[in-house]
Amino acid sequence: MGKYEAYIDSEFEDLIPLFMKNKKQEIHDLRKYLGIHNYDQIVFLGHRIKGSGSGYGFKTIGDIGLQLEHYGAMRDENQIYDLINQLETYIQSVSIIYIDM
């Protein structure tokens, strides 16, 4: 997969390291909940990821969160697994470019 770029408001620069740390924890939690088939928690985390990703300007994270929410409600284990991997790949490879908005 290619490298990702995210253009983020420079006002968030000090908050992004904690944001990324939280996303890594959420990936861990999603895997745990998928392993025990706790789809309610997957829907909850998907909703939270959607909101925080969009709120900080990470459209891709927001989109993945929306899909996690959807496929969690459908209890689609394969799609959830793929989305968790997509989120992890994105988090690990995104280059953040801070801009003044």
Protein backbone atom coordinates (compact mmCIF):
# COMPACT_ATOMS: atom_id res chain seq x y z
CA MET A 1 0.00 0.00 0.00
CA GLY A 2 1.20 3.49 -0.78
CA LYS A 3 2.02 6.22 1.66
CA TYR A 4 -0.80 8.43 2.92
CA GLU A 5 -0.81 12.16 3.56
CA ALA A 6 -3.13 14.07 5.85
CA TYR A 7 -3.38 17.84 5.87
CA ILE A 8 -4.25 18.81 9.43
CA ASP A 9 -4.96 22.21 10.96
CA SER A 10 -1.82 23.38 12.74
CA GLU A 11 -3.98 24.24 15.78
CA PHE A 12 -4.15 20.47 16.45
CA GLU A 13 -0.39 19.85 16.24
CA ASP A 14 0.10 19.41 20.00
CA LEU A 15 -2.89 17.05 20.24
CA ILE A 16 -2.04 14.68 17.38
CA PRO A 17 0.52 12.48 19.21
CA LEU A 18 -2.07 11.56 21.85
CA PHE A 19 -4.73 11.18 19.16
CA MET A 20 -2.53 8.66 17.31
CA LYS A 21 -1.73 6.83 20.54
CA ASN A 22 -5.47 6.56 21.21
CA LYS A 23 -6.08 5.17 17.70
CA LYS A 24 -3.46 2.46 18.31
CA GLN A 25 -5.22 1.52 21.56
CA GLU A 26 -8.56 1.45 19.75
CA ILE A 27 -7.09 -0.90 17.12
CA HIS A 28 -6.00 -3.20 19.95
CA ASP A 29 -9.48 -2.96 21.50
CA LEU A 30 -11.20 -3.63 18.17
CA ARG A 31 -9.18 -6.81 17.72
CA LYS A 32 -10.05 -7.90 21.25
CA TYR A 33 -13.76 -7.26 20.72
CA LEU A 34 -13.74 -8.99 17.34
CA GLY A 35 -12.11 -12.02 18.97
CA ILE A 36 -14.92 -12.31 21.50
CA HIS A 37 -17.64 -11.29 19.00
CA ASN A 38 -18.63 -8.18 20.97
CA TYR A 39 -20.17 -6.32 18.06
CA ASP A 40 -21.83 -3.70 20.27
CA GLN A 41 -18.39 -2.47 21.35
CA ILE A 42 -17.18 -2.54 17.74
CA VAL A 43 -20.13 -0.32 16.76
CA PHE A 44 -19.36 1.99 19.70
CA LEU A 45 -15.65 2.24 18.82
CA GLY A 46 -16.45 2.70 15.14
CA HIS A 47 -18.69 5.63 16.03
CA ARG A 48 -16.00 7.14 18.25
CA ILE A 49 -13.30 6.66 15.59
CA LYS A 50 -15.59 8.23 12.98
CA GLY A 51 -16.16 11.30 15.15
CA SER A 52 -12.61 11.85 16.32
CA GLY A 53 -11.08 11.15 12.91
CA SER A 54 -13.40 13.59 11.20
CA GLY A 55 -13.07 16.13 13.99
CA TYR A 56 -9.29 16.29 13.70
CA GLY A 57 -9.34 16.34 9.90
CA PHE A 58 -8.42 12.71 9.17
CA LYS A 59 -11.05 11.91 6.56
CA THR A 60 -9.71 8.38 5.99
CA ILE A 61 -9.93 7.55 9.71
CA GLY A 62 -13.45 8.97 9.83
CA ASP A 63 -14.47 6.89 6.81
CA ILE A 64 -13.04 3.70 8.31
CA GLY A 65 -14.85 4.45 11.57
CA LEU A 66 -18.14 4.84 9.69
CA GLN A 67 -17.59 1.48 7.98
CA LEU A 68 -16.66 -0.19 11.28
CA GLU A 69 -19.88 1.12 12.76
CA HIS A 70 -21.86 -0.22 9.79
CA TYR A 71 -20.23 -3.65 9.56
CA GLY A 72 -20.22 -4.01 13.33
CA ALA A 73 -24.00 -3.62 13.30
CA MET A 74 -24.14 -6.22 10.51
CA ARG A 75 -21.79 -8.51 12.48
CA ASP A 76 -19.63 -8.96 9.37
CA GLU A 77 -16.46 -10.40 10.85
CA ASN A 78 -14.47 -10.43 7.60
CA GLN A 79 -15.18 -6.79 6.76
CA ILE A 80 -14.40 -5.73 10.34
CA TYR A 81 -11.10 -7.60 10.24
CA ASP A 82 -10.17 -5.93 6.94
CA LEU A 83 -11.12 -2.49 8.24
CA ILE A 84 -9.04 -2.91 11.39
CA ASN A 85 -6.06 -3.78 9.19
CA GLN A 86 -6.75 -0.78 6.94
CA LEU A 87 -6.87 1.50 9.97
CA GLU A 88 -3.63 0.10 11.33
CA THR A 89 -1.86 0.47 7.97
CA TYR A 90 -3.06 4.05 7.68
CA ILE A 91 -1.99 4.99 11.21
CA GLN A 92 1.44 3.46 10.71
CA SER A 93 2.14 5.09 7.36
CA VAL A 94 0.37 8.46 7.28
CA SER A 95 2.49 11.59 6.88
CA ILE A 96 0.92 14.50 8.70
CA ILE A 97 1.30 17.91 7.11
CA TYR A 98 0.25 20.79 9.31
CA ILE A 99 -1.32 23.77 7.60
CA ASP A 100 -2.80 27.06 8.76
CA MET A 101 -6.51 27.03 8.06
